[in-house]
């Protein structure tokens, strides 16, 4: 028997190998560990609040049940923070974590306009996601959570200074990612 596709099938082969090697119970344990770590991260992000008690993050993923081990969120737009999720992504890199930040917009080549991807958020809205891999341990998740907390404290301590520090370079790049 061979698996033959017009596109690379390495992902399918890897999953097939893991399932055969680990068996049903082993594969389930691996998946349960990923889901548990994603829930741990999600719960920690939900618990982060500002001084006035409002949450720092708005969760965007489906939650803890029947969900991929991916945590998707955005900084709470109601807070009016001088930084966004792209800035958070770059701050997290100093702690050796790659947290994928995205703009919720696209550039329309027909009219050269930036347009929102969704009808319920503005084009300048950003978000981030964390993919919880099979090799992530609880200790690693705790380190990631501590890194999130440290980044938020650092950026909040700069307040409007954070925005003024990055605004000139972002203006030059048209806000197409981090400019520093």
C-alpha atoms as a PDB file:
ATOM      1  CA  UNK A   1       0.000   0.000   0.000  1.00  0.00           C
ATOM      2  CA  UNK A   2       1.316   3.476  -0.859  1.00  0.00           C
ATOM      3  CA  UNK A   3       0.016   6.936  -0.165  1.00  0.00           C
ATOM      4  CA  UNK A   4       0.308   8.966  -3.323  1.00  0.00           C
ATOM      5  CA  UNK A   5      -0.793  12.581  -3.646  1.00  0.00           C
ATOM      6  CA  UNK A   6      -0.099  15.500  -5.927  1.00  0.00           C
ATOM      7  CA  UNK A   7       1.043  17.516  -2.906  1.00  0.00           C
ATOM      8  CA  UNK A   8       3.669  16.594  -0.319  1.00  0.00           C
ATOM      9  CA  UNK A   9       2.244  14.042   2.108  1.00  0.00           C
ATOM     10  CA  UNK A  10       4.896  14.223   4.808  1.00  0.00           C
ATOM     11  CA  UNK A  11       2.357  15.455   7.388  1.00  0.00           C
ATOM     12  CA  UNK A  12       0.130  12.470   6.723  1.00  0.00           C
ATOM     13  CA  UNK A  13       3.068  10.073   6.910  1.00  0.00           C
ATOM     14  CA  UNK A  14       4.226  11.572  10.211  1.00  0.00           C
ATOM     15  CA  UNK A  15       0.770  11.237  11.776  1.00  0.00           C
ATOM     16  CA  UNK A  16       0.457   7.673  10.449  1.00  0.00           C
ATOM     17  CA  UNK A  17       3.878   6.819  11.920  1.00  0.00           C
ATOM     18  CA  UNK A  18       3.019   8.365  15.309  1.00  0.00           C
ATOM     19  CA  UNK A  19      -0.291   6.562  15.478  1.00  0.00           C
ATOM     20  CA  UNK A  20       1.352   3.218  14.626  1.00  0.00           C
ATOM     21  CA  UNK A  21       4.258   3.784  17.006  1.00  0.00           C
ATOM     22  CA  UNK A  22       2.277   5.114  19.974  1.00  0.00           C
ATOM     23  CA  UNK A  23      -0.945   3.180  19.509  1.00  0.00           C
ATOM     24  CA  UNK A  24      -4.382   4.570  20.217  1.00  0.00           C
ATOM     25  CA  UNK A  25      -3.810   5.117  23.959  1.00  0.00           C
ATOM     26  CA  UNK A  26      -0.390   6.679  23.478  1.00  0.00           C
ATOM     27  CA  UNK A  27      -1.643   8.995  20.747  1.00  0.00           C
ATOM     28  CA  UNK A  28      -4.619   9.977  22.935  1.00  0.00           C
ATOM     29  CA  UNK A  29      -2.273  10.701  25.866  1.00  0.00           C
ATOM     30  CA  UNK A  30      -0.153  12.905  23.588  1.00  0.00           C
ATOM     31  CA  UNK A  31      -3.226  14.792  22.378  1.00  0.00           C
ATOM     32  CA  UNK A  32      -4.623  15.107  25.923  1.00  0.00           C
ATOM     33  CA  UNK A  33      -1.304  16.597  27.080  1.00  0.00           C
ATOM     34  CA  UNK A  34      -1.445  19.177  24.285  1.00  0.00           C
ATOM     35  CA  UNK A  35      -5.056  20.053  25.147  1.00  0.00           C
ATOM     36  CA  UNK A  36      -4.212  20.313  28.851  1.00  0.00           C
ATOM     37  CA  UNK A  37      -1.289  22.645  28.179  1.00  0.00           C
ATOM     38  CA  UNK A  38      -3.421  24.773  25.834  1.00  0.00           C
ATOM     39  CA  UNK A  39      -6.101  25.034  28.550  1.00  0.00           C
ATOM     40  CA  UNK A  40      -3.447  25.983  31.114  1.00  0.00           C
ATOM     41  CA  UNK A  41      -2.195  28.792  28.858  1.00  0.00           C
ATOM     42  CA  UNK A  42      -5.724  29.901  27.955  1.00  0.00           C
ATOM     43  CA  UNK A  43      -6.766  30.058  31.624  1.00  0.00           C
ATOM     44  CA  UNK A  44      -3.652  32.057  32.506  1.00  0.00           C
ATOM     45  CA  UNK A  45      -4.272  34.581  29.720  1.00  0.00           C
ATOM     46  CA  UNK A  46      -7.904  34.929  30.831  1.00  0.00           C
ATOM     47  CA  UNK A  47      -6.707  35.715  34.359  1.00  0.00           C
ATOM     48  CA  UNK A  48      -4.449  38.620  33.300  1.00  0.00           C
ATOM     49  CA  UNK A  49      -6.195  41.860  34.245  1.00  0.00           C
ATOM     50  CA  UNK A  50      -5.355  45.543  34.292  1.00  0.00           C
ATOM     51  CA  UNK A  51      -5.298  47.591  37.475  1.00  0.00           C
ATOM     52  CA  UNK A  52      -8.985  48.433  36.993  1.00  0.00           C
ATOM     53  CA  UNK A  53      -9.905  44.733  36.741  1.00  0.00           C
ATOM     54  CA  UNK A  54     -10.614  44.619  33.005  1.00  0.00           C
ATOM     55  CA  UNK A  55      -9.105  41.640  31.163  1.00  0.00           C
ATOM     56  CA  UNK A  56      -5.962  42.197  29.119  1.00  0.00           C
ATOM     57  CA  UNK A  57      -7.016  39.678  26.496  1.00  0.00           C
ATOM     58  CA  UNK A  58     -10.068  38.774  24.447  1.00  0.00           C
ATOM     59  CA  UNK A  59     -10.035  35.074  23.620  1.00  0.00           C
ATOM     60  CA  UNK A  60     -10.744  34.195  19.972  1.00  0.00           C
ATOM     61  CA  UNK A  61     -10.495  30.401  19.874  1.00  0.00           C
ATOM     62  CA  UNK A  62     -13.237  27.838  20.486  1.00  0.00           C
ATOM     63  CA  UNK A  63     -12.133  27.160  24.041  1.00  0.00           C
ATOM     64  CA  UNK A  64     -11.231  24.022  25.883  1.00  0.00           C
ATOM     65  CA  UNK A  65     -13.516  21.447  24.304  1.00  0.00           C
ATOM     66  CA  UNK A  66     -13.069  19.822  20.911  1.00  0.00           C
ATOM     67  CA  UNK A  67     -10.534  22.424  19.941  1.00  0.00           C
ATOM     68  CA  UNK A  68      -7.134  22.232  18.319  1.00  0.00           C
ATOM     69  CA  UNK A  69      -4.235  22.822  20.724  1.00  0.00           C
ATOM     70  CA  UNK A  70      -4.056  26.434  19.577  1.00  0.00           C
ATOM     71  CA  UNK A  71      -4.677  29.479  21.755  1.00  0.00           C
ATOM     72  CA  UNK A  72      -5.828  32.529  19.777  1.00  0.00           C
ATOM     73  CA  UNK A  73      -6.436  35.888  21.422  1.00  0.00           C
ATOM     74  CA  UNK A  74      -6.024  39.618  21.026  1.00  0.00           C
ATOM     75  CA  UNK A  75      -5.225  42.435  23.386  1.00  0.00           C
ATOM     76  CA  UNK A  76      -8.502  43.836  24.674  1.00  0.00           C
ATOM     77  CA  UNK A  77      -9.389  46.706  22.281  1.00  0.00           C
ATOM     78  CA  UNK A  78     -11.460  48.406  25.016  1.00  0.00           C
ATOM     79  CA  UNK A  79      -8.251  49.158  26.923  1.00  0.00           C
ATOM     80  CA  UNK A  80      -6.897  51.530  24.241  1.00  0.00           C
ATOM     81  CA  UNK A  81      -3.354  50.309  24.807  1.00  0.00           C
ATOM     82  CA  UNK A  82      -0.502  52.138  23.022  1.00  0.00           C
ATOM     83  CA  UNK A  83       0.790  48.786  21.757  1.00  0.00           C
ATOM     84  CA  UNK A  84      -0.731  45.951  19.742  1.00  0.00           C
ATOM     85  CA  UNK A  85      -0.346  42.201  19.314  1.00  0.00           C
ATOM     86  CA  UNK A  86       2.437  42.651  16.752  1.00  0.00           C
ATOM     87  CA  UNK A  87       4.385  44.628  19.351  1.00  0.00           C
ATOM     88  CA  UNK A  88       3.672  41.867  21.872  1.00  0.00           C
ATOM     89  CA  UNK A  89       5.018  39.304  19.391  1.00  0.00           C
ATOM     90  CA  UNK A  90       8.297  41.192  19.136  1.00  0.00           C
ATOM     91  CA  UNK A  91       8.594  41.723  22.884  1.00  0.00           C
ATOM     92  CA  UNK A  92       8.078  37.970  23.415  1.00  0.00           C
ATOM     93  CA  UNK A  93      11.062  37.262  21.168  1.00  0.00           C
ATOM     94  CA  UNK A  94      13.402  38.667  23.810  1.00  0.00           C
ATOM     95  CA  UNK A  95      12.271  35.752  25.991  1.00  0.00           C
ATOM     96  CA  UNK A  96      12.926  33.337  23.099  1.00  0.00           C
ATOM     97  CA  UNK A  97       9.249  32.677  22.390  1.00  0.00           C
ATOM     98  CA  UNK A  98       7.731  33.070  18.966  1.00  0.00           C
ATOM     99  CA  UNK A  99       4.125  34.151  19.323  1.00  0.00           C
ATOM    100  CA  UNK A 100       2.575  34.688  15.894  1.00  0.00           C
ATOM    101  CA  UNK A 101       0.987  38.125  15.582  1.00  0.00           C
ATOM    102  CA  UNK A 102      -1.332  38.993  12.708  1.00  0.00           C
ATOM    103  CA  UNK A 103      -3.208  41.978  11.349  1.00  0.00           C
ATOM    104  CA  UNK A 104      -6.895  41.323  10.768  1.00  0.00           C
ATOM    105  CA  UNK A 105      -6.809  42.995   7.388  1.00  0.00           C
ATOM    106  CA  UNK A 106      -5.665  42.398   3.840  1.00  0.00           C
ATOM    107  CA  UNK A 107      -4.340  44.545   1.035  1.00  0.00           C
ATOM    108  CA  UNK A 108      -6.737  44.561  -1.910  1.00  0.00           C
ATOM    109  CA  UNK A 109      -4.645  44.716  -5.114  1.00  0.00           C
ATOM    110  CA  UNK A 110      -7.635  45.942  -7.151  1.00  0.00           C
ATOM    111  CA  UNK A 111      -7.911  49.298  -5.419  1.00  0.00           C
ATOM    112  CA  UNK A 112      -4.706  49.344  -3.313  1.00  0.00           C
ATOM    113  CA  UNK A 113      -6.768  49.678  -0.113  1.00  0.00           C
ATOM    114  CA  UNK A 114      -6.299  47.940   3.219  1.00  0.00           C
ATOM    115  CA  UNK A 115      -9.560  46.253   4.146  1.00  0.00           C
ATOM    116  CA  UNK A 116     -10.737  44.392   7.251  1.00  0.00           C
ATOM    117  CA  UNK A 117     -10.937  40.602   7.095  1.00  0.00           C
ATOM    118  CA  UNK A 118     -14.052  40.614   9.283  1.00  0.00           C
ATOM    119  CA  UNK A 119     -17.100  42.835   9.526  1.00  0.00           C
ATOM    120  CA  UNK A 120     -17.019  43.122  13.325  1.00  0.00           C
ATOM    121  CA  UNK A 121     -13.438  44.409  13.792  1.00  0.00           C
ATOM    122  CA  UNK A 122     -11.573  47.352  12.248  1.00  0.00           C
ATOM    123  CA  UNK A 123      -8.811  46.796   9.692  1.00  0.00           C
ATOM    124  CA  UNK A 124      -6.108  47.906  12.148  1.00  0.00           C
ATOM    125  CA  UNK A 125      -7.087  45.231  14.702  1.00  0.00           C
ATOM    126  CA  UNK A 126      -4.408  42.643  15.485  1.00  0.00           C
ATOM    127  CA  UNK A 127      -4.396  39.217  17.121  1.00  0.00           C
ATOM    128  CA  UNK A 128      -1.943  36.478  18.066  1.00  0.00           C
ATOM    129  CA  UNK A 129      -1.877  32.721  18.356  1.00  0.00           C
ATOM    130  CA  UNK A 130       0.181  30.114  20.155  1.00  0.00           C
ATOM    131  CA  UNK A 131       0.365  26.588  18.773  1.00  0.00           C
ATOM    132  CA  UNK A 132       0.899  24.137  21.648  1.00  0.00           C
ATOM    133  CA  UNK A 133       3.120  21.380  20.297  1.00  0.00           C
ATOM    134  CA  UNK A 134       3.422  17.812  21.515  1.00  0.00           C
ATOM    135  CA  UNK A 135       6.854  18.466  23.029  1.00  0.00           C
ATOM    136  CA  UNK A 136       5.676  21.427  25.158  1.00  0.00           C
ATOM    137  CA  UNK A 137       5.798  20.558  28.842  1.00  0.00           C
ATOM    138  CA  UNK A 138       3.946  22.215  31.727  1.00  0.00           C
ATOM    139  CA  UNK A 139       7.219  23.802  32.839  1.00  0.00           C
ATOM    140  CA  UNK A 140       7.603  25.336  29.379  1.00  0.00           C
ATOM    141  CA  UNK A 141       4.012  26.602  29.500  1.00  0.00           C
ATOM    142  CA  UNK A 142       4.674  28.204  32.900  1.00  0.00           C
ATOM    143  CA  UNK A 143       7.738  29.915  31.417  1.00  0.00           C
ATOM    144  CA  UNK A 144       5.647  31.143  28.465  1.00  0.00           C
ATOM    145  CA  UNK A 145       3.013  32.515  30.866  1.00  0.00           C
ATOM    146  CA  UNK A 146       5.700  34.276  32.933  1.00  0.00           C
ATOM    147  CA  UNK A 147       7.106  35.736  29.691  1.00  0.00           C
ATOM    148  CA  UNK A 148       3.670  37.059  28.696  1.00  0.00           C
ATOM    149  CA  UNK A 149       3.325  38.675  32.117  1.00  0.00           C
ATOM    150  CA  UNK A 150       6.784  40.246  31.963  1.00  0.00           C
ATOM    151  CA  UNK A 151       6.164  41.628  28.454  1.00  0.00           C
ATOM    152  CA  UNK A 152       2.836  43.149  29.447  1.00  0.00           C
ATOM    153  CA  UNK A 153       4.433  44.775  32.497  1.00  0.00           C
ATOM    154  CA  UNK A 154       7.311  46.150  30.403  1.00  0.00           C
ATOM    155  CA  UNK A 155       5.075  47.580  27.681  1.00  0.00           C
ATOM    156  CA  UNK A 156       2.532  48.964  30.174  1.00  0.00           C
ATOM    157  CA  UNK A 157       5.299  50.645  32.197  1.00  0.00           C
ATOM    158  CA  UNK A 158       6.316  52.598  29.092  1.00  0.00           C
ATOM    159  CA  UNK A 159       2.683  53.601  28.508  1.00  0.00           C
ATOM    160  CA  UNK A 160       2.319  56.192  25.741  1.00  0.00           C
ATOM    161  CA  UNK A 161       6.107  56.248  25.518  1.00  0.00           C
ATOM    162  CA  UNK A 162       5.951  52.828  23.890  1.00  0.00           C
ATOM    163  CA  UNK A 163       3.793  54.216  21.095  1.00  0.00           C
ATOM    164  CA  UNK A 164       5.902  57.331  20.585  1.00  0.00           C
ATOM    165  CA  UNK A 165       9.044  55.210  20.525  1.00  0.00           C
ATOM    166  CA  UNK A 166       7.709  52.992  17.699  1.00  0.00           C
ATOM    167  CA  UNK A 167       5.381  55.328  15.784  1.00  0.00           C
ATOM    168  CA  UNK A 168       8.011  57.030  13.541  1.00  0.00           C
ATOM    169  CA  UNK A 169       9.397  53.721  12.277  1.00  0.00           C
ATOM    170  CA  UNK A 170       5.954  52.171  11.869  1.00  0.00           C
ATOM    171  CA  UNK A 171       4.949  55.196   9.817  1.00  0.00           C
ATOM    172  CA  UNK A 172       7.885  54.571   7.478  1.00  0.00           C
ATOM    173  CA  UNK A 173       6.948  50.922   6.975  1.00  0.00           C
ATOM    174  CA  UNK A 174       3.220  51.561   6.676  1.00  0.00           C
ATOM    175  CA  UNK A 175       2.540  49.424   9.773  1.00  0.00           C
ATOM    176  CA  UNK A 176       3.457  46.269   7.830  1.00  0.00           C
ATOM    177  CA  UNK A 177       4.978  44.565  10.813  1.00  0.00           C
ATOM    178  CA  UNK A 178       7.474  45.593  13.415  1.00  0.00           C
ATOM    179  CA  UNK A 179       9.790  48.364  12.348  1.00  0.00           C
ATOM    180  CA  UNK A 180      12.595  48.156  14.918  1.00  0.00           C
END
